[in-house]
């Protein structure tokens, strides 16, 4: 476990063996403080962690990292300058004053990482990172002691917080790495030192910030470029931008594909609706027919990544199959049955052209009258029009009825009509409340409804309102 002595060593380069009190966790939210936590006070745009120091100590925090003067209210040790010889620390709890709280957190996590013999798996890509992280974790946990970043802890704050949760017993850390600006994944790699890197795909989400798919690919490629020569890059042969990364890593490359030749492949993929998928997995000279409780034929790529990770760490076929078949991992999508007997597929967390077309594929696998409720897809930059059109063309081939939510989503409606969907089957509304009104009065027993849109549109409100009527 991480101790107060480890933290002091990281921030002062001095040994304080008398302070080997265990730190139960490292948090930036005072509501998450438990007895013996480390609280890091980070000033944000809307909330300043320094305003919650009292609450953190009241809840039992052992120490706090601060960058503002707190000496009038709390015992504070100033680490902005070298501590004098013979300096004696007070008894905790106390504050540790640094120049920058976030940098101190990152420094502490990098120092701790270098004390541990842990294999780090870095995961990045435009779509499927979180689901891949979950399934890789479930497979590797079949043999190893693992840790993964919770939720969306995939940035310069969440990743070091996760790293401080590693212990000397941790064998593998599965760390999702987000990308927003060039150099970000490089920085995360400098902290975590991944030995295995998995790239899911390169889509158009975040293109508004990055500028182009090429810029996104170059940013994501920082993961494979930072793997050591004795590491492994697990790459998707079905994505041209990920294929481009093969020559950019000095690590061994392990490829996977659902469509072409690769080290790991699948064949005869069958969607079983909400029951999962069935397929044959091929690796080296062995093949196995599997049924996995993960929904949607598109999710076979997630299975390939998890299996590749298992083989990379020397797991047997039996162990990998057991890990896959016992999986509780799901896409963020879940099914809800309404009082009228309709089935609502809640995939409202976020949306991109790639994830939305995949969700529409799943909709097509489930028998019934198909209704697609699709909202704006944000941050597509130069791909905004073409991305929405792509979804519209797909919806025309899958949905019996289409409801779009938001101004950008009107492009989806226009494209669907252009592709041949009757205009009488298409409705455009401006907000989720209007979409709820349409659905409440028009759901029937045979309906299968997909709810999908960018998080900023709060499409989850549609699901919440429908659930409230159950």
Protein backbone atom coordinates (compact mmCIF):
# COMPACT_ATOMS: atom_id res chain seq x y z
CA UNK A 1 0.00 0.00 0.00
CA UNK A 2 1.05 3.60 -0.57
CA UNK A 3 2.26 5.27 2.60
CA UNK A 4 2.81 8.79 3.83
CA UNK A 5 6.55 8.00 3.83
CA UNK A 6 6.35 7.11 0.11
CA UNK A 7 4.66 10.43 -0.60
CA UNK A 8 7.25 12.41 1.37
CA UNK A 9 10.05 10.55 -0.40
CA UNK A 10 8.55 11.47 -3.79
CA UNK A 11 8.15 15.16 -2.94
CA UNK A 12 11.34 15.74 -0.91
CA UNK A 13 13.76 12.97 -2.02
CA UNK A 14 14.29 12.26 1.67
CA UNK A 15 13.42 9.23 3.77
CA UNK A 16 10.87 9.55 6.57
CA UNK A 17 10.60 5.92 7.65
CA UNK A 18 8.77 6.85 10.84
CA UNK A 19 5.80 7.96 8.71
CA UNK A 20 4.84 4.63 7.19
CA UNK A 21 1.15 5.24 7.84
CA UNK A 22 -0.95 3.77 5.05
CA UNK A 23 -2.80 6.20 2.82
CA UNK A 24 -6.17 4.59 2.14
CA UNK A 25 -6.74 6.48 -1.11
CA UNK A 26 -5.81 9.60 -3.06
CA UNK A 27 -8.73 11.87 -3.95
CA UNK A 28 -9.42 15.37 -5.25
CA UNK A 29 -13.07 15.42 -4.14
CA UNK A 30 -13.63 15.93 -0.41
CA UNK A 31 -16.83 13.89 -0.65
CA UNK A 32 -14.69 10.84 -1.44
CA UNK A 33 -12.39 11.24 1.56
CA UNK A 34 -12.24 8.27 3.91
CA UNK A 35 -10.12 7.90 7.06
CA UNK A 36 -6.38 8.12 6.19
CA UNK A 37 -6.97 9.49 2.67
CA UNK A 38 -4.59 11.79 0.85
CA UNK A 39 -6.52 14.86 -0.32
CA UNK A 40 -5.10 16.85 -3.23
CA UNK A 41 -6.46 20.41 -3.34
CA UNK A 42 -6.55 21.43 -7.00
CA UNK A 43 -7.90 24.84 -8.03
CA UNK A 44 -10.33 24.42 -10.93
CA UNK A 45 -12.33 26.71 -13.16
CA UNK A 46 -15.47 26.36 -11.04
CA UNK A 47 -14.35 24.68 -7.82
CA UNK A 48 -11.21 25.19 -5.74
CA UNK A 49 -10.25 22.18 -3.66
CA UNK A 50 -8.64 24.45 -1.07
CA UNK A 51 -12.12 25.53 0.00
CA UNK A 52 -12.81 21.97 1.17
CA UNK A 53 -9.72 21.33 3.29
CA UNK A 54 -11.66 21.53 6.55
CA UNK A 55 -14.19 19.01 5.32
CA UNK A 56 -11.39 16.68 4.15
CA UNK A 57 -9.67 16.74 7.54
CA UNK A 58 -12.98 16.37 9.38
CA UNK A 59 -13.57 13.16 7.41
CA UNK A 60 -10.18 11.81 8.43
CA UNK A 61 -7.69 12.82 5.73
CA UNK A 62 -4.14 12.05 6.86
CA UNK A 63 -2.51 14.69 4.65
CA UNK A 64 -3.37 17.24 1.99
CA UNK A 65 -1.32 18.58 -0.90
CA UNK A 66 -1.93 22.31 -1.32
CA UNK A 67 -0.54 25.14 -3.42
CA UNK A 68 -2.07 28.02 -1.47
CA UNK A 69 -1.16 29.33 1.96
CA UNK A 70 -3.08 27.45 4.65
CA UNK A 71 -0.70 27.95 7.58
CA UNK A 72 -3.16 30.08 9.54
CA UNK A 73 -5.71 27.27 9.62
CA UNK A 74 -3.76 23.99 9.35
CA UNK A 75 -0.35 22.63 10.23
CA UNK A 76 1.58 23.12 7.01
CA UNK A 77 4.98 21.90 5.83
CA UNK A 78 6.44 24.08 3.09
CA UNK A 79 8.04 21.85 0.46
CA UNK A 80 8.70 24.64 -2.01
CA UNK A 81 12.23 24.81 -0.64
CA UNK A 82 14.55 22.03 0.64
CA UNK A 83 13.81 21.03 4.21
CA UNK A 84 16.63 21.94 6.64
CA UNK A 85 18.88 19.21 8.01
CA UNK A 86 17.42 17.59 11.08
CA UNK A 87 13.91 18.78 10.24
CA UNK A 88 11.29 16.88 12.24
CA UNK A 89 7.86 16.49 10.78
CA UNK A 90 4.85 17.11 13.01
CA UNK A 91 2.33 14.38 13.61
CA UNK A 92 -0.30 14.14 10.88
CA UNK A 93 -2.71 15.33 9.77
CA UNK A 94 -0.99 18.20 7.99
CA UNK A 95 -0.77 20.05 4.69
CA UNK A 96 2.14 19.78 2.27
CA UNK A 97 2.65 23.11 0.51
CA UNK A 98 3.96 22.78 -3.04
CA UNK A 99 4.23 25.06 -6.06
CA UNK A 100 1.56 23.18 -8.01
CA UNK A 101 -0.77 20.56 -6.54
CA UNK A 102 -1.44 18.77 -9.82
CA UNK A 103 2.25 18.50 -10.66
CA UNK A 104 2.92 17.16 -7.17
CA UNK A 105 0.24 14.50 -7.69
CA UNK A 106 1.82 13.53 -10.99
CA UNK A 107 5.31 13.50 -9.46
CA UNK A 108 4.14 11.25 -6.64
CA UNK A 109 2.42 8.80 -9.01
CA UNK A 110 5.44 8.57 -11.32
CA UNK A 111 7.75 7.99 -8.34
CA UNK A 112 5.46 5.24 -7.01
CA UNK A 113 5.18 3.59 -10.44
CA UNK A 114 8.95 3.23 -10.54
CA UNK A 115 8.96 1.42 -7.19
CA UNK A 116 6.69 -1.34 -8.49
CA UNK A 117 7.14 -4.35 -10.76
CA UNK A 118 3.83 -3.93 -12.53
CA UNK A 119 2.95 -4.52 -16.16
CA UNK A 120 1.04 -1.52 -17.49
CA UNK A 121 -1.43 -1.86 -20.37
CA UNK A 122 -2.25 1.47 -22.02
CA UNK A 123 -5.49 1.69 -24.02
CA UNK A 124 -6.45 4.48 -26.39
CA UNK A 125 -8.61 5.08 -29.46
CA UNK A 126 -11.63 7.09 -30.53
CA UNK A 127 -14.35 4.56 -29.69
CA UNK A 128 -14.42 1.53 -27.42
CA UNK A 129 -11.68 2.46 -24.95
CA UNK A 130 -13.77 2.00 -21.82
CA UNK A 131 -15.39 -1.26 -22.90
CA UNK A 132 -11.98 -2.58 -23.94
CA UNK A 133 -10.53 -1.58 -20.57
CA UNK A 134 -13.30 -3.44 -18.77
CA UNK A 135 -13.05 -6.64 -20.80
CA UNK A 136 -9.23 -6.69 -20.78
CA UNK A 137 -9.41 -6.30 -17.01
CA UNK A 138 -11.87 -9.18 -16.67
CA UNK A 139 -9.74 -11.51 -18.79
CA UNK A 140 -6.42 -10.64 -17.14
CA UNK A 141 -7.98 -10.80 -13.67
CA UNK A 142 -8.63 -14.48 -14.28
CA UNK A 143 -4.94 -15.04 -13.49
CA UNK A 144 -3.40 -11.76 -12.30
CA UNK A 145 -3.95 -9.17 -9.58
CA UNK A 146 -5.10 -6.19 -11.64
CA UNK A 147 -6.18 -2.59 -11.26
CA UNK A 148 -7.91 -0.31 -13.77
CA UNK A 149 -8.82 3.35 -13.85
CA UNK A 150 -12.42 3.84 -12.71
CA UNK A 151 -14.94 5.64 -14.90
CA UNK A 152 -13.34 8.39 -16.94
CA UNK A 153 -10.11 8.66 -14.92
CA UNK A 154 -8.15 8.70 -18.17
CA UNK A 155 -6.46 12.10 -18.11
CA UNK A 156 -3.63 13.98 -16.39
CA UNK A 157 -5.57 13.91 -13.11
CA UNK A 158 -7.43 10.60 -13.15
CA UNK A 159 -4.54 8.47 -14.35
CA UNK A 160 -2.10 9.47 -11.56
CA UNK A 161 -4.88 9.06 -8.98
CA UNK A 162 -5.37 5.52 -10.27
CA UNK A 163 -1.63 4.83 -10.18
CA UNK A 164 -1.48 5.73 -6.48
CA UNK A 165 -4.02 2.94 -5.87
CA UNK A 166 -1.53 0.34 -7.10
CA UNK A 167 0.07 -1.80 -4.41
CA UNK A 168 3.13 -4.03 -4.31
CA UNK A 169 0.75 -6.92 -4.96
CA UNK A 170 -0.54 -5.38 -8.21
CA UNK A 171 0.69 -7.36 -11.20
CA UNK A 172 -1.03 -5.55 -14.08
CA UNK A 173 -2.54 -2.07 -14.37
CA UNK A 174 -5.01 -1.49 -17.22
CA UNK A 175 -5.03 2.23 -17.92
CA UNK A 176 -7.28 3.98 -20.42
CA UNK A 177 -5.57 7.05 -21.89
CA UNK A 178 -7.61 9.92 -23.30
CA UNK A 179 -6.47 12.32 -26.01
CA UNK A 180 -7.39 15.96 -26.38
CA UNK A 181 -4.19 17.73 -27.45
CA UNK A 182 -0.88 16.59 -29.00
CA UNK A 183 1.60 15.44 -26.38
CA UNK A 184 -1.04 14.39 -23.85
CA UNK A 185 -0.63 10.64 -24.32
CA UNK A 186 3.15 11.10 -24.43
CA UNK A 187 2.87 12.72 -20.99
CA UNK A 188 0.65 9.93 -19.64
CA UNK A 189 3.13 7.36 -20.94
CA UNK A 190 5.97 9.18 -19.17
CA UNK A 191 4.01 8.74 -15.94
CA UNK A 192 2.78 5.18 -16.38
CA UNK A 193 5.53 3.52 -18.49
CA UNK A 194 3.21 1.14 -20.37
CA UNK A 195 4.67 -2.09 -21.71
CA UNK A 196 1.59 -3.06 -23.71
CA UNK A 197 -0.43 -0.65 -25.82
CA UNK A 198 -3.86 -1.25 -27.37
CA UNK A 199 -5.32 1.08 -30.01
CA UNK A 200 -9.00 0.53 -30.80
CA UNK A 201 -9.65 2.78 -33.81
CA UNK A 202 -9.34 6.33 -35.09
CA UNK A 203 -12.64 8.13 -35.59
CA UNK A 204 -13.76 11.73 -35.90
CA UNK A 205 -14.72 12.45 -32.28
CA UNK A 206 -12.62 15.37 -30.92
CA UNK A 207 -11.77 16.45 -34.49
CA UNK A 208 -13.13 19.88 -33.59
CA UNK A 209 -10.18 20.25 -31.22
CA UNK A 210 -7.57 18.16 -33.04
CA UNK A 211 -8.39 19.46 -36.53
CA UNK A 212 -8.39 16.22 -38.51
CA UNK A 213 -8.35 12.44 -38.29
CA UNK A 214 -4.65 12.53 -39.08
CA UNK A 215 -4.03 14.76 -36.07
CA UNK A 216 -6.07 12.37 -33.91
CA UNK A 217 -4.08 9.41 -35.26
CA UNK A 218 -0.78 11.12 -34.54
CA UNK A 219 -1.92 11.89 -31.00
CA UNK A 220 -3.09 8.33 -30.35
CA UNK A 221 0.11 6.95 -31.93
CA UNK A 222 2.07 8.45 -29.04
CA UNK A 223 1.10 5.32 -27.09
CA UNK A 224 2.72 2.84 -29.49
CA UNK A 225 5.69 5.14 -30.03
CA UNK A 226 6.44 5.07 -26.31
CA UNK A 227 6.37 1.30 -25.82
CA UNK A 228 9.71 -0.37 -25.02
CA UNK A 229 11.38 -2.77 -27.45
CA UNK A 230 10.35 -5.71 -25.25
CA UNK A 231 6.74 -4.49 -25.18
CA UNK A 232 3.75 -5.27 -27.40
CA UNK A 233 1.53 -3.03 -29.53
CA UNK A 234 -1.92 -4.57 -30.11
CA UNK A 235 -3.28 -2.95 -33.27
CA UNK A 236 -6.51 -3.05 -35.28
CA UNK A 237 -5.92 -4.10 -38.90
CA UNK A 238 -9.47 -3.07 -39.82
CA UNK A 239 -8.70 0.62 -39.26
CA UNK A 240 -6.38 2.27 -41.83
CA UNK A 241 -5.06 4.84 -39.37
CA UNK A 242 -4.24 2.16 -36.80
CA UNK A 243 -2.54 0.07 -39.50
CA UNK A 244 -0.39 3.13 -40.20
CA UNK A 245 0.92 2.88 -36.64
CA UNK A 246 2.55 -0.52 -37.23
CA UNK A 247 5.77 1.09 -38.42
CA UNK A 248 5.83 3.62 -35.60
CA UNK A 249 6.60 1.29 -32.70
CA UNK A 250 9.81 -0.43 -31.71
CA UNK A 251 7.73 -2.94 -29.75
CA UNK A 252 6.48 -6.27 -31.07
CA UNK A 253 3.22 -5.80 -32.99
CA UNK A 254 0.28 -8.14 -32.47
CA UNK A 255 -2.55 -7.49 -34.93
CA UNK A 256 -6.24 -8.34 -34.79
CA UNK A 257 -9.02 -8.19 -37.37
CA UNK A 258 -12.62 -9.16 -37.98
CA UNK A 259 -12.28 -8.62 -41.73
CA UNK A 260 -8.78 -9.47 -42.98
CA UNK A 261 -5.58 -11.35 -42.23
CA UNK A 262 -4.06 -10.72 -38.81
CA UNK A 263 -2.53 -12.54 -35.86
CA UNK A 264 -5.94 -12.84 -34.18
CA UNK A 265 -9.05 -13.13 -36.32
CA UNK A 266 -12.69 -14.15 -36.08
CA UNK A 267 -15.11 -15.79 -38.49
CA UNK A 268 -18.81 -16.63 -38.73
CA UNK A 269 -19.90 -13.87 -36.34
CA UNK A 270 -23.55 -14.08 -35.32
CA UNK A 271 -25.46 -11.51 -33.32
CA UNK A 272 -27.76 -12.97 -30.67
CA UNK A 273 -29.49 -9.71 -29.79
CA UNK A 274 -29.33 -8.94 -26.08
CA UNK A 275 -27.96 -12.44 -25.39
CA UNK A 276 -24.56 -11.63 -26.88
CA UNK A 277 -22.54 -12.77 -29.87
CA UNK A 278 -21.30 -16.08 -31.24
CA UNK A 279 -18.14 -16.46 -33.35
CA UNK A 280 -15.03 -18.53 -34.02
CA UNK A 281 -11.77 -17.10 -32.66
CA UNK A 282 -8.52 -17.97 -34.45
CA UNK A 283 -4.98 -17.57 -33.08
CA UNK A 284 -1.90 -19.30 -34.42
CA UNK A 285 -2.96 -22.86 -35.24
CA UNK A 286 -5.93 -23.04 -32.91
CA UNK A 287 -9.60 -22.10 -33.32
CA UNK A 288 -12.44 -22.05 -30.80
CA UNK A 289 -16.17 -21.47 -31.21
CA UNK A 290 -17.36 -19.08 -28.50
CA UNK A 291 -20.58 -17.51 -27.24
CA UNK A 292 -19.89 -14.32 -25.29
CA UNK A 293 -22.48 -12.28 -23.32
CA UNK A 294 -21.47 -8.97 -24.92
CA UNK A 295 -24.06 -7.44 -27.19
CA UNK A 296 -23.60 -6.34 -30.79
CA UNK A 297 -21.58 -7.95 -33.58
CA UNK A 298 -19.33 -4.88 -33.64
CA UNK A 299 -18.15 -5.73 -30.12
CA UNK A 300 -16.20 -8.69 -31.51
CA UNK A 301 -13.33 -6.21 -31.87
CA UNK A 302 -13.43 -5.69 -28.11
CA UNK A 303 -13.21 -9.45 -27.62
CA UNK A 304 -10.21 -9.62 -29.98
CA UNK A 305 -8.38 -6.95 -27.98
CA UNK A 306 -9.02 -8.70 -24.69
CA UNK A 307 -7.92 -12.06 -26.09
CA UNK A 308 -4.79 -10.46 -27.55
CA UNK A 309 -3.95 -8.99 -24.14
CA UNK A 310 -4.40 -12.40 -22.54
CA UNK A 311 -2.10 -14.11 -25.04
CA UNK A 312 0.45 -11.30 -24.62
CA UNK A 313 0.68 -12.04 -20.90
CA UNK A 314 1.02 -15.78 -21.48
CA UNK A 315 -2.50 -16.87 -20.59
CA UNK A 316 -3.82 -20.15 -21.94
CA UNK A 317 -6.80 -20.53 -24.26
CA UNK A 318 -8.78 -22.00 -21.36
CA UNK A 319 -8.07 -19.02 -19.09
CA UNK A 320 -8.93 -16.49 -21.79
CA UNK A 321 -12.15 -18.27 -22.73
CA UNK A 322 -13.19 -18.51 -19.08
CA UNK A 323 -12.52 -14.79 -18.65
CA UNK A 324 -14.51 -13.88 -21.75
CA UNK A 325 -17.46 -16.15 -21.08
CA UNK A 326 -17.82 -15.10 -17.45
CA UNK A 327 -17.69 -11.44 -18.42
CA UNK A 328 -20.08 -8.99 -16.85
CA UNK A 329 -18.76 -6.24 -19.12
CA UNK A 330 -21.34 -4.52 -21.26
CA UNK A 331 -21.37 -1.62 -23.57
CA UNK A 332 -22.77 1.47 -21.91
CA UNK A 333 -25.97 0.35 -23.62
CA UNK A 334 -28.62 -1.39 -21.54
CA UNK A 335 -32.12 -2.62 -22.30
CA UNK A 336 -35.26 -1.36 -20.54
CA UNK A 337 -38.75 -2.78 -21.03
CA UNK A 338 -41.57 -0.23 -20.91
CA UNK A 339 -45.06 -0.72 -19.55
CA UNK A 340 -46.34 -1.01 -23.11
CA UNK A 341 -43.93 -3.89 -23.76
CA UNK A 342 -41.49 -1.92 -25.90
CA UNK A 343 -37.75 -2.43 -25.50
CA UNK A 344 -35.63 0.71 -25.04
CA UNK A 345 -31.90 0.45 -25.78
CA UNK A 346 -30.24 3.10 -23.63
CA UNK A 347 -26.96 4.12 -25.28
CA UNK A 348 -27.35 7.75 -24.30
CA UNK A 349 -23.96 8.34 -22.66
CA UNK A 350 -22.19 9.68 -25.75
CA UNK A 351 -22.10 9.45 -29.52
CA UNK A 352 -19.82 9.59 -32.54
CA UNK A 353 -20.50 8.49 -36.12
CA UNK A 354 -18.65 5.23 -35.48
CA UNK A 355 -20.39 4.33 -32.23
CA UNK A 356 -23.81 5.37 -33.55
CA UNK A 357 -23.60 3.24 -36.69
CA UNK A 358 -22.50 0.33 -34.47
CA UNK A 359 -25.51 0.92 -32.21
CA UNK A 360 -27.77 0.94 -35.28
CA UNK A 361 -26.27 -2.40 -36.30
CA UNK A 362 -27.29 -3.77 -32.91
CA UNK A 363 -30.79 -2.32 -33.34
CA UNK A 364 -31.08 -4.25 -36.60
CA UNK A 365 -30.15 -7.52 -34.84
CA UNK A 366 -33.17 -7.37 -32.51
CA UNK A 367 -36.52 -8.36 -34.05
CA UNK A 368 -39.25 -5.73 -33.87
CA UNK A 369 -40.38 -2.34 -35.11
CA UNK A 370 -37.19 -0.26 -35.02
CA UNK A 371 -37.26 3.34 -33.76
CA UNK A 372 -34.01 5.34 -33.71
CA UNK A 373 -33.93 8.44 -31.50
CA UNK A 374 -30.67 10.16 -32.40
CA UNK A 375 -29.24 13.40 -31.08
CA UNK A 376 -26.50 15.79 -32.12
CA UNK A 377 -22.96 14.43 -32.27
CA UNK A 378 -20.59 17.07 -30.94
CA UNK A 379 -16.90 17.93 -31.46
CA UNK A 380 -16.72 16.53 -35.00
CA UNK A 381 -15.13 19.68 -36.43
CA UNK A 382 -14.71 19.40 -40.22
CA UNK A 383 -16.51 16.03 -40.16
CA UNK A 384 -19.72 17.42 -38.66
CA UNK A 385 -21.81 17.29 -41.83
CA UNK A 386 -20.38 14.07 -43.28
CA UNK A 387 -20.51 12.32 -39.89
CA UNK A 388 -24.19 13.10 -39.40
CA UNK A 389 -24.93 12.14 -43.01
CA UNK A 390 -23.23 8.77 -42.54
CA UNK A 391 -25.50 8.07 -39.58
CA UNK A 392 -28.55 9.16 -41.56
CA UNK A 393 -27.76 6.79 -44.40
CA UNK A 394 -27.34 3.95 -41.91
CA UNK A 395 -30.58 4.83 -40.10
CA UNK A 396 -32.49 4.70 -43.39
CA UNK A 397 -31.41 1.07 -43.83
CA UNK A 398 -32.17 0.03 -40.26
CA UNK A 399 -34.95 2.10 -38.69
CA UNK A 400 -38.68 2.03 -39.38
CA UNK A 401 -39.01 5.39 -37.68
CA UNK A 402 -36.45 8.13 -36.96
CA UNK A 403 -36.63 10.91 -34.38
CA UNK A 404 -33.75 13.40 -34.35
CA UNK A 405 -32.97 15.73 -31.45
CA UNK A 406 -31.06 18.99 -31.95
CA UNK A 407 -30.06 21.21 -34.86
CA UNK A 408 -27.08 19.16 -36.03
CA UNK A 409 -29.13 15.96 -35.97
CA UNK A 410 -31.42 17.44 -38.63
CA UNK A 411 -28.63 16.50 -41.04
CA UNK A 412 -29.25 12.87 -40.01
CA UNK A 413 -32.92 13.26 -40.90
CA UNK A 414 -32.16 14.87 -44.26
CA UNK A 415 -29.68 12.13 -45.15
CA UNK A 416 -32.13 9.39 -44.17
CA UNK A 417 -34.84 10.87 -46.41
CA UNK A 418 -32.29 11.28 -49.21
CA UNK A 419 -31.48 7.57 -48.83
CA UNK A 420 -35.13 6.64 -49.29
CA UNK A 421 -36.70 6.74 -45.84
CA UNK A 422 -40.27 8.09 -46.10
CA UNK A 423 -40.49 11.65 -44.79
CA UNK A 424 -43.59 10.61 -42.85
CA UNK A 425 -41.38 8.27 -40.80
CA UNK A 426 -38.98 11.08 -39.82
CA UNK A 427 -39.54 13.64 -37.06
CA UNK A 428 -37.14 16.41 -36.02
CA UNK A 429 -37.36 18.04 -32.58
CA UNK A 430 -35.21 20.60 -30.83
CA UNK A 431 -34.91 19.10 -27.37
CA UNK A 432 -35.29 15.94 -25.30
CA UNK A 433 -38.61 17.04 -23.79
CA UNK A 434 -40.22 17.03 -27.23
CA UNK A 435 -38.74 13.61 -27.96
CA UNK A 436 -40.22 12.27 -24.71
CA UNK A 437 -43.66 13.56 -25.67
CA UNK A 438 -43.48 11.70 -28.99
CA UNK A 439 -42.31 8.44 -27.45
CA UNK A 440 -44.73 8.39 -24.53
CA UNK A 441 -47.73 8.43 -26.82
CA UNK A 442 -46.36 6.19 -29.56
CA UNK A 443 -44.68 3.16 -27.98
CA UNK A 444 -46.12 -0.28 -28.64
CA UNK A 445 -45.34 -3.86 -27.71
CA UNK A 446 -43.20 -4.70 -30.75
CA UNK A 447 -41.14 -1.49 -30.68
CA UNK A 448 -37.37 -1.57 -30.18
CA UNK A 449 -36.11 1.96 -29.47
CA UNK A 450 -32.49 3.11 -29.64
CA UNK A 451 -31.60 6.28 -27.68
CA UNK A 452 -28.22 7.72 -28.74
CA UNK A 453 -26.58 11.16 -28.73
CA UNK A 454 -23.66 13.17 -27.41
CA UNK A 455 -23.44 13.56 -23.65
CA UNK A 456 -23.88 17.33 -23.90
CA UNK A 457 -27.38 16.82 -25.26
CA UNK A 458 -28.45 14.85 -22.14
CA UNK A 459 -30.27 12.17 -24.07
CA UNK A 460 -30.36 10.21 -20.81
CA UNK A 461 -33.26 12.46 -19.78
CA UNK A 462 -35.40 10.69 -22.38
CA UNK A 463 -34.63 7.35 -20.75
CA UNK A 464 -35.26 8.75 -17.27
CA UNK A 465 -38.66 10.09 -18.29
CA UNK A 466 -39.63 6.78 -19.90
CA UNK A 467 -38.50 4.86 -16.81
CA UNK A 468 -40.60 7.16 -14.63
CA UNK A 469 -43.72 5.90 -16.39
CA UNK A 470 -43.01 2.24 -15.61
